[in-house]
Protein backbone atom coordinates (compact mmCIF):
# COMPACT_ATOMS: atom_id res chain seq x y z
CA MET A 1 20.28 13.46 3.32
CA GLN A 2 20.43 11.82 -0.10
CA ILE A 3 17.13 9.95 0.20
CA GLN A 4 17.33 8.51 -3.34
CA GLU A 5 20.71 6.96 -2.52
CA VAL A 6 19.25 5.39 0.64
CA LEU A 7 16.38 3.94 -1.39
CA ARG A 8 18.82 2.61 -4.00
CA GLN A 9 20.84 0.85 -1.30
CA LEU A 10 17.61 -0.47 0.21
CA ASP A 11 16.56 -1.98 -3.12
CA GLU A 12 19.92 -3.73 -3.39
CA LEU A 13 19.60 -5.19 0.12
CA PHE A 14 16.07 -6.42 -0.56
CA ALA A 15 17.17 -7.92 -3.89
CA THR A 16 19.82 -10.00 -2.08
CA ASN A 17 17.49 -10.82 0.85
CA GLN A 18 19.64 -8.98 3.40
CA MET A 19 16.70 -8.14 5.65
CA GLN A 20 18.54 -7.29 8.86
CA GLU A 21 20.88 -4.97 6.97
CA ALA A 22 17.84 -3.34 5.34
CA GLU A 23 16.26 -2.69 8.74
CA HIS A 24 19.54 -1.24 10.04
CA LEU A 25 19.84 1.05 7.00
CA LEU A 26 16.25 2.28 7.41
CA THR A 27 16.45 2.93 11.15
CA GLU A 28 19.81 4.72 10.87
CA ALA A 29 18.56 6.83 7.94
CA LEU A 30 15.36 7.68 9.85
CA MET A 31 17.35 8.88 12.87
CA GLN A 32 19.48 11.06 10.58
CA ALA A 33 16.43 12.45 8.76
CA LYS A 34 14.72 13.32 12.04
CA GLU A 35 17.89 15.05 13.25
CA GLU A 36 18.11 17.09 10.03
CA GLU A 37 14.43 18.00 10.32
CA SER A 38 14.88 19.15 13.94
CA GLN A 39 17.81 21.34 12.88
CA LYS A 40 15.71 22.82 10.04
CA LYS A 41 18.12 21.36 7.46
CA SER A 42 15.27 19.59 5.67
CA SER A 43 11.49 19.82 5.27
CA GLY A 44 10.84 16.41 6.80
CA GLU A 45 9.70 14.66 3.62
CA ALA A 46 12.60 12.19 3.96
CA VAL A 47 11.20 11.26 7.39
CA LEU A 48 7.82 10.52 5.78
CA ILE A 49 9.39 8.37 3.04
CA LEU A 50 11.43 6.36 5.54
CA LEU A 51 8.48 5.84 7.91
CA ASN A 52 6.46 4.48 4.98
CA GLU A 53 9.34 2.19 4.01
CA LEU A 54 9.69 0.93 7.59
CA THR A 55 5.94 0.29 7.77
CA GLY A 56 6.20 -1.91 4.68
CA TYR A 57 9.32 -3.63 5.97
CA TYR A 58 7.84 -4.52 9.37
CA ARG A 59 4.62 -5.72 7.70
CA SER A 60 6.56 -7.96 5.33
CA VAL A 61 8.46 -9.66 8.17
CA GLY A 62 5.36 -10.11 10.35
CA ARG A 63 6.19 -7.49 13.00
CA HIS A 64 2.69 -6.06 12.90
CA GLU A 65 2.73 -3.85 16.00
CA GLU A 66 5.83 -2.04 14.76
CA ALA A 67 4.30 -1.70 11.29
CA VAL A 68 1.15 -0.10 12.70
CA GLN A 69 3.18 2.15 15.01
CA ASN A 70 5.31 3.43 12.09
CA ALA A 71 2.19 3.91 9.97
CA ARG A 72 0.63 6.09 12.67
CA GLU A 73 3.83 8.10 12.92
CA ALA A 74 3.84 8.54 9.12
CA LEU A 75 0.26 9.87 9.23
CA GLU A 76 1.27 12.29 12.00
CA GLN A 77 4.19 13.41 9.80
CA ILE A 78 1.75 14.09 6.94
CA ARG A 79 -0.26 16.34 9.28
CA LYS A 80 2.91 18.10 10.46
CA LEU A 81 4.00 18.75 6.87
CA GLY A 82 0.60 20.20 5.94
CA MET A 83 0.03 17.52 3.28
CA SER A 84 -3.41 16.36 4.42
CA GLU A 85 -5.06 16.72 1.00
CA SER A 86 -2.18 15.36 -1.08
CA ALA A 87 -1.74 12.15 -3.06
CA GLU A 88 1.10 11.33 -0.65
CA HIS A 89 -1.45 11.35 2.18
CA GLY A 90 -3.59 8.89 0.21
CA THR A 91 -0.62 6.60 -0.38
CA THR A 92 0.40 6.78 3.29
CA LEU A 93 -3.17 5.84 4.24
CA VAL A 94 -3.06 2.84 1.87
CA ASN A 95 0.21 1.78 3.48
CA ALA A 96 -1.26 2.20 6.97
CA ALA A 97 -4.45 0.35 6.01
CA THR A 98 -2.43 -2.55 4.64
CA ALA A 99 -0.44 -2.74 7.88
CA LEU A 100 -3.69 -2.74 9.86
CA ARG A 101 -5.11 -5.47 7.62
CA ALA A 102 -2.01 -7.63 8.13
CA ALA A 103 -2.42 -7.09 11.89
CA GLY A 104 -6.02 -8.37 11.70
CA GLN A 105 -7.60 -4.95 12.36
CA TYR A 106 -9.98 -5.18 9.41
CA GLU A 107 -12.49 -2.43 10.33
CA ALA A 108 -9.73 0.10 11.00
CA SER A 109 -8.07 -1.03 7.78
CA LEU A 110 -11.21 -0.46 5.70
CA GLU A 111 -11.74 2.94 7.31
CA ALA A 112 -8.23 3.99 6.23
CA TYR A 113 -8.74 2.59 2.70
CA ARG A 114 -12.00 4.57 2.36
CA GLU A 115 -10.27 7.75 3.50
CA ALA A 116 -7.50 7.11 0.95
CA GLU A 117 -10.14 6.66 -1.76
CA GLN A 118 -11.66 10.06 -0.89
CA ILE A 119 -8.27 11.78 -1.03
CA TYR A 120 -7.26 10.07 -4.29
CA SER A 121 -10.60 11.14 -5.80
CA ILE A 122 -9.69 14.77 -5.08
CA CYS A 123 -6.00 14.58 -6.09
CA LEU A 124 -5.74 12.08 -8.94
CA PRO A 125 -7.34 11.38 -12.32
CA SER A 126 -9.65 8.35 -12.21
CA GLU A 127 -7.33 6.28 -14.43
CA ASP A 128 -4.28 6.71 -12.14
CA ALA A 129 -2.69 3.34 -11.36
CA ARG A 130 -2.69 4.14 -7.62
CA PHE A 131 -6.46 3.53 -7.61
CA ALA A 132 -5.84 -0.04 -8.80
CA GLY A 133 -3.44 -0.66 -5.91
CA LEU A 134 -5.95 0.80 -3.47
CA TYR A 135 -8.84 -1.35 -4.72
CA ASN A 136 -6.79 -4.54 -4.92
CA ASN A 137 -5.66 -4.08 -1.31
CA MET A 138 -9.13 -3.05 -0.17
CA SER A 139 -10.63 -6.20 -1.67
CA LEU A 140 -8.36 -8.33 0.53
CA ALA A 141 -9.64 -6.59 3.68
CA TYR A 142 -13.24 -7.25 2.63
CA GLU A 143 -12.39 -10.84 1.81
CA ARG A 144 -10.93 -11.38 5.31
CA GLN A 145 -14.35 -10.35 6.64
CA ASN A 146 -16.10 -12.74 4.21
CA ALA A 147 -17.70 -9.70 2.54
CA HIS A 148 -17.31 -11.30 -0.89
CA GLU A 149 -19.58 -8.96 -2.86
CA GLU A 150 -17.70 -5.88 -1.62
CA ALA A 151 -14.37 -7.60 -2.31
CA LEU A 152 -15.46 -8.44 -5.85
CA SER A 153 -16.70 -4.89 -6.43
CA CYS A 154 -13.25 -3.56 -5.44
CA LEU A 155 -11.53 -5.98 -7.83
CA GLN A 156 -13.81 -4.87 -10.66
CA LYS A 157 -12.89 -1.24 -9.94
CA ALA A 158 -9.19 -2.18 -9.89
CA LEU A 159 -9.54 -4.01 -13.20
CA ALA A 160 -11.28 -1.02 -14.82
CA VAL A 161 -8.26 1.13 -13.93
CA ILE A 162 -5.66 -1.47 -14.92
CA LEU A 163 -7.23 -2.03 -18.34
CA GLN A 164 -6.62 1.67 -19.09
CA THR A 165 -2.93 1.32 -18.21
CA ALA A 166 -0.37 0.53 -20.88
CA ASP A 167 1.90 -2.46 -20.28
CA ALA A 168 0.13 -3.73 -17.15
CA LYS A 169 -0.09 -7.41 -18.08
CA GLU A 170 1.10 -8.75 -14.73
CA GLU A 171 -1.32 -6.55 -12.78
CA THR A 172 -4.16 -7.56 -15.11
CA ALA A 173 -3.40 -11.27 -14.68
CA ALA A 174 -3.12 -10.92 -10.90
CA THR A 175 -6.46 -9.11 -10.67
CA TYR A 176 -8.23 -11.69 -12.85
CA THR A 177 -6.71 -14.42 -10.66
CA ASN A 178 -8.01 -12.74 -7.50
CA MET A 179 -11.45 -12.40 -9.10
CA ALA A 180 -11.39 -16.07 -10.09
CA GLU A 181 -10.57 -17.09 -6.54
CA LEU A 182 -13.50 -15.09 -5.18
CA TYR A 183 -15.94 -16.45 -7.78
CA LEU A 184 -14.85 -20.03 -7.10
CA LYS A 185 -15.04 -19.51 -3.33
CA THR A 186 -18.65 -18.33 -3.67
CA GLY A 187 -19.65 -21.19 -6.00
CA GLN A 188 -19.75 -19.12 -9.21
CA ILE A 189 -17.78 -21.71 -11.14
CA SER A 190 -18.25 -20.55 -14.73
CA GLU A 191 -17.38 -16.93 -13.85
CA GLY A 192 -14.31 -18.15 -11.97
CA LEU A 193 -13.09 -20.30 -14.84
CA ASN A 194 -13.68 -17.44 -17.27
CA CYS A 195 -11.48 -15.15 -15.13
CA LEU A 196 -8.79 -17.84 -14.93
CA GLU A 197 -8.74 -18.11 -18.71
CA LYS A 198 -8.32 -14.35 -18.99
CA ALA A 199 -5.54 -14.45 -16.39
CA LEU A 200 -3.70 -17.13 -18.36
């Protein structure tokens, strides 16, 4: 299977908002990838990539049970591939945690984010941009639980990573905006306005 070609087609379908076609492409490609894996024609990494993509797709269209189900299958695929201490495992956990968060399963979500943090800490340098994505997503799970201090701490960690990244203006602005929202929500007006200025 030419997984990069599938992903290219997927990007085109998303860009033109052809969501049903995107789902069809992903499910057909996943069936093919599983067939190739069963016949020992591939290692199964294409299956992992497609399960992660389907998790994100189902989350984005509000089909939370299917998102969580695909996320669990992706984590099982990680185990099967012997990739339990890899950065890919961390990223799959972030994806799964985000699906759980969207489904309202905040404790399970935070547990998966924390496990991803442990794996990233082993596999990645501390300035890797994937940490910023992890902490930004983690902060949203804390915020849903009204754990504002923990949410803010995650955003500060995300910002520390982003500020070390070249050409990350959009991510920097988004993180400052999220921080501003939290400060304002908790009555810390001057801190919130200061973050908004930095975001602008």
